[in-house]
Structures are given as C-alpha cells and as structure tokens.
C-alpha atoms as a PDB file:
ATOM      1  CA  MET A   1     129.707  96.302  61.272  1.00  0.00           C
ATOM      2  CA  ALA A   2     127.911  98.868  59.135  1.00  0.00           C
ATOM      3  CA  LYS A   3     129.228  99.684  55.675  1.00  0.00           C
ATOM      4  CA  GLN A   4     129.623 103.299  54.569  1.00  0.00           C
ATOM      5  CA  VAL A   5     127.671 104.027  51.393  1.00  0.00           C
ATOM      6  CA  LEU A   6     127.698 107.151  49.280  1.00  0.00           C
ATOM      7  CA  LYS A   7     125.061 109.735  50.014  1.00  0.00           C
ATOM      8  CA  ARG A   8     126.439 112.465  47.713  1.00  0.00           C
ATOM      9  CA  HIS A   9     129.541 114.320  46.545  1.00  0.00           C
ATOM     10  CA  VAL A  10     129.877 117.994  47.426  1.00  0.00           C
ATOM     11  CA  ILE A  11     132.141 119.780  44.953  1.00  0.00           C
ATOM     12  CA  HIS A  12     133.290 123.313  45.809  1.00  0.00           C
ATOM     13  CA  ARG A  13     134.072 124.355  42.234  1.00  0.00           C
ATOM     14  CA  GLU A  14     135.285 127.795  43.292  1.00  0.00           C
ATOM     15  CA  TRP A  15     138.038 126.125  45.375  1.00  0.00           C
ATOM     16  CA  CYS A  16     139.077 123.617  42.693  1.00  0.00           C
ATOM     17  CA  LYS A  17     142.256 124.585  40.833  1.00  0.00           C
ATOM     18  CA  GLY A  18     142.022 121.696  38.365  1.00  0.00           C
ATOM     19  CA  CYS A  19     145.144 119.834  39.460  1.00  0.00           C
ATOM     20  CA  GLY A  20     143.537 116.432  38.743  1.00  0.00           C
ATOM     21  CA  ILE A  21     144.863 114.703  41.862  1.00  0.00           C
ATOM     22  CA  CYS A  22     141.364 113.535  42.783  1.00  0.00           C
ATOM     23  CA  VAL A  23     140.807 112.167  39.280  1.00  0.00           C
ATOM     24  CA  HIS A  24     144.105 110.274  39.390  1.00  0.00           C
ATOM     25  CA  PHE A  25     143.500 108.672  42.800  1.00  0.00           C
ATOM     26  CA  CYS A  26     139.863 107.616  42.266  1.00  0.00           C
ATOM     27  CA  PRO A  27     139.931 103.809  41.904  1.00  0.00           C
ATOM     28  CA  LYS A  28     136.560 103.743  40.096  1.00  0.00           C
ATOM     29  CA  LYS A  29     137.101 106.700  37.728  1.00  0.00           C
ATOM     30  CA  VAL A  30     134.100 108.551  39.153  1.00  0.00           C
ATOM     31  CA  LEU A  31     135.614 112.003  38.595  1.00  0.00           C
ATOM     32  CA  GLU A  32     136.794 113.910  35.525  1.00  0.00           C
ATOM     33  CA  LEU A  33     137.928 117.436  34.763  1.00  0.00           C
ATOM     34  CA  ASP A  34     135.490 119.392  32.600  1.00  0.00           C
ATOM     35  CA  GLU A  35     136.267 121.872  29.821  1.00  0.00           C
ATOM     36  CA  SER A  36     137.024 124.582  32.407  1.00  0.00           C
ATOM     37  CA  GLU A  37     139.453 122.225  34.221  1.00  0.00           C
ATOM     38  CA  LYS A  38     137.175 121.836  37.247  1.00  0.00           C
ATOM     39  CA  VAL A  39     136.300 118.480  38.773  1.00  0.00           C
ATOM     40  CA  VAL A  40     132.899 116.958  38.036  1.00  0.00           C
ATOM     41  CA  VAL A  41     131.258 113.712  39.091  1.00  0.00           C
ATOM     42  CA  VAL A  42     130.574 111.613  35.994  1.00  0.00           C
ATOM     43  CA  ARG A  43     129.839 108.161  37.449  1.00  0.00           C
ATOM     44  CA  ALA A  44     128.414 108.644  40.954  1.00  0.00           C
ATOM     45  CA  GLY A  45     126.881 105.168  40.928  1.00  0.00           C
ATOM     46  CA  ASP A  46     130.350 103.609  40.698  1.00  0.00           C
ATOM     47  CA  CYS A  47     131.648 105.405  43.819  1.00  0.00           C
ATOM     48  CA  VAL A  48     132.691 103.073  46.650  1.00  0.00           C
ATOM     49  CA  ALA A  49     132.961 105.941  49.172  1.00  0.00           C
ATOM     50  CA  CYS A  50     136.667 105.320  49.794  1.00  0.00           C
ATOM     51  CA  ARG A  51     137.190 109.089  50.206  1.00  0.00           C
ATOM     52  CA  LEU A  52     140.568 109.088  48.447  1.00  0.00           C
ATOM     53  CA  CYS A  53     139.489 112.126  46.417  1.00  0.00           C
ATOM     54  CA  GLU A  54     138.520 114.001  49.569  1.00  0.00           C
ATOM     55  CA  LEU A  55     141.702 113.035  51.406  1.00  0.00           C
ATOM     56  CA  ARG A  56     144.055 113.882  48.519  1.00  0.00           C
ATOM     57  CA  CYS A  57     142.509 117.196  47.421  1.00  0.00           C
ATOM     58  CA  PRO A  58     144.984 119.929  48.448  1.00  0.00           C
ATOM     59  CA  ASP A  59     142.247 122.574  48.250  1.00  0.00           C
ATOM     60  CA  LEU A  60     139.554 120.722  50.244  1.00  0.00           C
ATOM     61  CA  ALA A  61     137.264 121.151  47.240  1.00  0.00           C
ATOM     62  CA  ILE A  62     135.611 117.715  47.563  1.00  0.00           C
ATOM     63  CA  GLU A  63     133.480 116.282  50.343  1.00  0.00           C
ATOM     64  CA  VAL A  64     132.122 112.757  50.228  1.00  0.00           C
ATOM     65  CA  GLU A  65     128.992 112.429  52.324  1.00  0.00           C
ATOM     66  CA  THR A  66     128.159 108.904  53.433  1.00  0.00           C
ATOM     67  CA  GLU A  67     125.621 107.083  55.523  1.00  0.00           C
ATOM     68  CA  GLU A  68     125.772 103.726  57.219  1.00  0.00           C
ATOM     69  CA  GLU A  69     124.114 100.744  55.617  1.00  0.00           C
ATOM     70  CA  THR A  70     123.346  98.069  58.172  1.00  0.00           C
ATOM     71  CA  ALA A  71     122.942  94.379  57.424  1.00  0.00           C
ATOM     72  CA  ALA A  72     119.189  94.735  58.013  1.00  0.00           C
ATOM     73  CA  GLU A  73     118.955  97.367  55.258  1.00  0.00           C
ATOM     74  CA  LYS A  74     120.730  95.063  52.799  1.00  0.00           C
ATOM     75  CA  ARG A  75     118.365  92.115  53.339  1.00  0.00           C
ATOM     76  CA  PRO A  76     115.325  91.940  51.079  1.00  0.00           C
ATOM     77  CA  ALA A  77     111.969  92.364  52.784  1.00  0.00           C
ATOM     78  CA  ALA A  78     110.288  89.126  53.795  1.00  0.00           C
ATOM     79  CA  ALA A  79     107.358  88.119  51.618  1.00  0.00           C
ATOM     80  CA  SER A  80     104.041  88.007  53.436  1.00  0.00           C
END
C-alpha cells in the first residue's frame, strides 16, 4: 500500500479568518498564526499529511496536496 506524502500546502490567505482551528488540530505543530492572524506554514518538513487542518478549516482556506510514495521509491538505489 502506498503512503501519502506531502507535496505542498496551499493556503488561501484571503479566505482565512484567523480562528486557529487548524493550528490547534495539527499534531505536528506545522502551522501558526502570523502577526495579521492568518495561518502560515512554519514547519512543512514535519507535516505527516494527515489533513486534519484541511478537514477542520471552516473556511476551506487550507489544501494539503499529497503524492503517493511507493515501497520502491523508499528503497535506496542498488550499488553497481
């Protein structure tokens, strides 16, 4: 079974009302609210692509784009 890995976060800042729900639900603390109370990605490398932020956002301001990582992609290349 292929694992979903993060490709990128798409933040629609104009839709974000700064409620902080996404920040609260993120298990890896990837998101924060900036000085204008809009969500920003601060630790993208820690994201596990669980999509809780996307699912919980009442304004649909966050999209988590993923791609499948197959077992073959995880294995190191054979030395020749």
